[in-house]
Amino acid sequence: MLEKQLKRLRRHKRIRTRIHGTKERPRLCVFRSLSHIYAQLINDDTAKVLVSASDKEVKVSKDEKMTRKVLVAFEVGKLIAKKAQDQKTERVIFDRGGIVFHGRVKALADGAREGGLKF
């Protein structure tokens, strides 16, 4: 388990050398644990979190087409997009955090796009 985490952290470091969030275009950082998913908009110039959202803020019912965790991640994406638009932010840089872009991470990105964020 520890080696798996170290590999993810190495991938995340490698990604972070290429992307940098600013005030005009903050970084949309995703963290996925076994049972929860979190998203933050970060301004790397000032090292401040502008907006955050998690699955603890979202309530969803059962859906036939998607699993519950994927559906919750989609709703978290829509929530972070709504909060970002309240802050007058439309364009972001997506940071998957070293996690493969499928499943819950992809669902969060799709929800953010549907909510109005561009990346």
C-alpha atoms as a PDB file:
ATOM      1  CA  MET A   1       0.000   0.000   0.000  1.00  0.00           C
ATOM      2  CA  LEU A   2       2.779   2.414   0.870  1.00  0.00           C
ATOM      3  CA  GLU A   3       4.508   1.889  -2.477  1.00  0.00           C
ATOM      4  CA  LYS A   4       1.250   2.640  -4.314  1.00  0.00           C
ATOM      5  CA  GLN A   5       0.945   5.954  -2.457  1.00  0.00           C
ATOM      6  CA  LEU A   6       4.567   6.837  -3.197  1.00  0.00           C
ATOM      7  CA  LYS A   7       4.040   6.174  -6.911  1.00  0.00           C
ATOM      8  CA  ARG A   8       0.983   8.459  -6.911  1.00  0.00           C
ATOM      9  CA  LEU A   9       2.943  11.184  -5.126  1.00  0.00           C
ATOM     10  CA  ARG A  10       5.772  10.893  -7.669  1.00  0.00           C
ATOM     11  CA  ARG A  11       3.291  11.250 -10.517  1.00  0.00           C
ATOM     12  CA  HIS A  12       1.681  14.221  -8.770  1.00  0.00           C
ATOM     13  CA  LYS A  13       5.052  15.958  -8.340  1.00  0.00           C
ATOM     14  CA  ARG A  14       5.848  15.430 -12.003  1.00  0.00           C
ATOM     15  CA  ILE A  15       2.483  16.923 -13.012  1.00  0.00           C
ATOM     16  CA  ARG A  16       2.921  19.888 -10.642  1.00  0.00           C
ATOM     17  CA  THR A  17       6.180  20.932 -12.323  1.00  0.00           C
ATOM     18  CA  ARG A  18       4.160  21.740 -15.459  1.00  0.00           C
ATOM     19  CA  ILE A  19       0.997  23.324 -14.061  1.00  0.00           C
ATOM     20  CA  HIS A  20       0.631  26.460 -11.950  1.00  0.00           C
ATOM     21  CA  GLY A  21      -2.573  28.169 -10.849  1.00  0.00           C
ATOM     22  CA  THR A  22      -2.998  31.933 -10.940  1.00  0.00           C
ATOM     23  CA  LYS A  23      -5.718  34.319  -9.823  1.00  0.00           C
ATOM     24  CA  GLU A  24      -7.202  34.463 -13.334  1.00  0.00           C
ATOM     25  CA  ARG A  25      -6.863  30.705 -13.892  1.00  0.00           C
ATOM     26  CA  PRO A  26      -6.630  28.772 -10.609  1.00  0.00           C
ATOM     27  CA  ARG A  27      -5.713  25.098 -10.311  1.00  0.00           C
ATOM     28  CA  LEU A  28      -8.619  22.686  -9.772  1.00  0.00           C
ATOM     29  CA  CYS A  29      -7.006  20.090  -7.514  1.00  0.00           C
ATOM     30  CA  VAL A  30      -8.761  16.755  -6.934  1.00  0.00           C
ATOM     31  CA  PHE A  31      -8.119  14.397  -4.035  1.00  0.00           C
ATOM     32  CA  ARG A  32      -9.785  11.004  -3.961  1.00  0.00           C
ATOM     33  CA  SER A  33      -9.737   8.671  -0.986  1.00  0.00           C
ATOM     34  CA  LEU A  34     -11.427   5.295  -0.747  1.00  0.00           C
ATOM     35  CA  SER A  35     -14.678   6.747   0.542  1.00  0.00           C
ATOM     36  CA  HIS A  36     -14.607  10.500  -0.229  1.00  0.00           C
ATOM     37  CA  ILE A  37     -13.661  12.972  -2.945  1.00  0.00           C
ATOM     38  CA  TYR A  38     -12.549  16.573  -2.513  1.00  0.00           C
ATOM     39  CA  ALA A  39     -11.916  19.445  -4.938  1.00  0.00           C
ATOM     40  CA  GLN A  40     -10.204  22.791  -4.390  1.00  0.00           C
ATOM     41  CA  LEU A  41      -9.461  25.854  -6.486  1.00  0.00           C
ATOM     42  CA  ILE A  42      -5.963  27.012  -5.581  1.00  0.00           C
ATOM     43  CA  ASN A  43      -4.064  30.191  -6.443  1.00  0.00           C
ATOM     44  CA  ASP A  44      -0.430  29.035  -6.431  1.00  0.00           C
ATOM     45  CA  ASP A  45       0.924  32.601  -6.607  1.00  0.00           C
ATOM     46  CA  THR A  46      -0.355  33.356  -3.109  1.00  0.00           C
ATOM     47  CA  ALA A  47      -0.706  29.718  -1.938  1.00  0.00           C
ATOM     48  CA  LYS A  48      -4.369  30.287  -1.038  1.00  0.00           C
ATOM     49  CA  VAL A  49      -7.387  28.036  -1.453  1.00  0.00           C
ATOM     50  CA  LEU A  50     -10.078  30.100  -3.170  1.00  0.00           C
ATOM     51  CA  VAL A  51     -12.959  27.599  -3.107  1.00  0.00           C
ATOM     52  CA  SER A  52     -13.409  24.037  -1.897  1.00  0.00           C
ATOM     53  CA  ALA A  53     -16.075  21.362  -2.167  1.00  0.00           C
ATOM     54  CA  SER A  54     -16.401  17.784  -0.997  1.00  0.00           C
ATOM     55  CA  ASP A  55     -18.862  14.922  -1.109  1.00  0.00           C
ATOM     56  CA  LYS A  56     -19.805  15.701   2.481  1.00  0.00           C
ATOM     57  CA  GLU A  57     -21.719  18.751   1.181  1.00  0.00           C
ATOM     58  CA  VAL A  58     -23.665  16.798  -1.470  1.00  0.00           C
ATOM     59  CA  LYS A  59     -26.795  14.689  -1.080  1.00  0.00           C
ATOM     60  CA  VAL A  60     -27.808  12.369  -3.918  1.00  0.00           C
ATOM     61  CA  SER A  61     -30.320   9.588  -4.371  1.00  0.00           C
ATOM     62  CA  LYS A  62     -29.716   6.222  -6.012  1.00  0.00           C
ATOM     63  CA  ASP A  63     -29.343   6.228  -9.791  1.00  0.00           C
ATOM     64  CA  GLU A  64     -29.654   3.260 -12.125  1.00  0.00           C
ATOM     65  CA  LYS A  65     -26.953   4.285 -14.624  1.00  0.00           C
ATOM     66  CA  MET A  66     -24.085   5.266 -12.312  1.00  0.00           C
ATOM     67  CA  THR A  67     -22.662   3.944  -9.106  1.00  0.00           C
ATOM     68  CA  ARG A  68     -23.224   6.098  -6.060  1.00  0.00           C
ATOM     69  CA  LYS A  69     -19.588   7.259  -5.729  1.00  0.00           C
ATOM     70  CA  VAL A  70     -19.397   8.304  -9.385  1.00  0.00           C
ATOM     71  CA  LEU A  71     -22.690  10.172  -9.121  1.00  0.00           C
ATOM     72  CA  VAL A  72     -21.508  11.941  -5.955  1.00  0.00           C
ATOM     73  CA  ALA A  73     -18.260  12.946  -7.702  1.00  0.00           C
ATOM     74  CA  PHE A  74     -20.283  14.383 -10.599  1.00  0.00           C
ATOM     75  CA  GLU A  75     -22.328  16.461  -8.130  1.00  0.00           C
ATOM     76  CA  VAL A  76     -19.145  17.668  -6.388  1.00  0.00           C
ATOM     77  CA  GLY A  77     -17.910  18.866  -9.801  1.00  0.00           C
ATOM     78  CA  LYS A  78     -21.117  20.829 -10.349  1.00  0.00           C
ATOM     79  CA  LEU A  79     -20.857  22.264  -6.824  1.00  0.00           C
ATOM     80  CA  ILE A  80     -17.248  23.430  -7.276  1.00  0.00           C
ATOM     81  CA  ALA A  81     -18.240  25.022 -10.606  1.00  0.00           C
ATOM     82  CA  LYS A  82     -21.104  26.904  -8.940  1.00  0.00           C
ATOM     83  CA  LYS A  83     -18.845  28.145  -6.152  1.00  0.00           C
ATOM     84  CA  ALA A  84     -16.185  29.168  -8.695  1.00  0.00           C
ATOM     85  CA  GLN A  85     -18.692  31.159 -10.719  1.00  0.00           C
ATOM     86  CA  ASP A  86     -19.744  32.954  -7.529  1.00  0.00           C
ATOM     87  CA  GLN A  87     -16.062  34.011  -7.286  1.00  0.00           C
ATOM     88  CA  LYS A  88     -16.185  35.163 -10.975  1.00  0.00           C
ATOM     89  CA  THR A  89     -13.904  32.331 -12.162  1.00  0.00           C
ATOM     90  CA  GLU A  90     -14.630  30.496 -15.414  1.00  0.00           C
ATOM     91  CA  ARG A  91     -11.285  29.076 -16.567  1.00  0.00           C
ATOM     92  CA  VAL A  92      -9.222  26.647 -14.481  1.00  0.00           C
ATOM     93  CA  ILE A  93      -6.298  24.263 -14.850  1.00  0.00           C
ATOM     94  CA  PHE A  94      -7.242  20.675 -13.979  1.00  0.00           C
ATOM     95  CA  ASP A  95      -4.898  18.847 -11.592  1.00  0.00           C
ATOM     96  CA  ARG A  96      -5.791  15.168 -11.260  1.00  0.00           C
ATOM     97  CA  GLY A  97      -3.279  14.706  -8.438  1.00  0.00           C
ATOM     98  CA  GLY A  98      -1.446  11.745  -9.942  1.00  0.00           C
ATOM     99  CA  ILE A  99      -4.658   9.715 -10.141  1.00  0.00           C
ATOM    100  CA  VAL A 100      -5.707   8.058 -13.409  1.00  0.00           C
ATOM    101  CA  PHE A 101      -8.304  10.144 -15.285  1.00  0.00           C
ATOM    102  CA  HIS A 102     -11.270   7.783 -15.187  1.00  0.00           C
ATOM    103  CA  GLY A 103     -14.068   6.849 -12.827  1.00  0.00           C
ATOM    104  CA  ARG A 104     -14.689   9.364 -10.062  1.00  0.00           C
ATOM    105  CA  VAL A 105     -12.008  11.831 -11.200  1.00  0.00           C
ATOM    106  CA  LYS A 106     -13.461  11.912 -14.722  1.00  0.00           C
ATOM    107  CA  ALA A 107     -16.987  12.274 -13.298  1.00  0.00           C
ATOM    108  CA  LEU A 108     -15.876  15.258 -11.199  1.00  0.00           C
ATOM    109  CA  ALA A 109     -14.306  16.865 -14.284  1.00  0.00           C
ATOM    110  CA  ASP A 110     -17.463  16.257 -16.327  1.00  0.00           C
ATOM    111  CA  GLY A 111     -19.592  17.776 -13.568  1.00  0.00           C
ATOM    112  CA  ALA A 112     -17.348  20.847 -13.410  1.00  0.00           C
ATOM    113  CA  ARG A 113     -17.583  21.243 -17.196  1.00  0.00           C
ATOM    114  CA  GLU A 114     -21.349  20.914 -17.078  1.00  0.00           C
ATOM    115  CA  GLY A 115     -21.418  23.495 -14.293  1.00  0.00           C
ATOM    116  CA  GLY A 116     -19.665  26.007 -16.559  1.00  0.00           C
ATOM    117  CA  LEU A 117     -15.928  25.673 -15.899  1.00  0.00           C
ATOM    118  CA  LYS A 118     -13.605  25.596 -18.895  1.00  0.00           C
ATOM    119  CA  PHE A 119     -10.414  23.511 -18.988  1.00  0.00           C
END
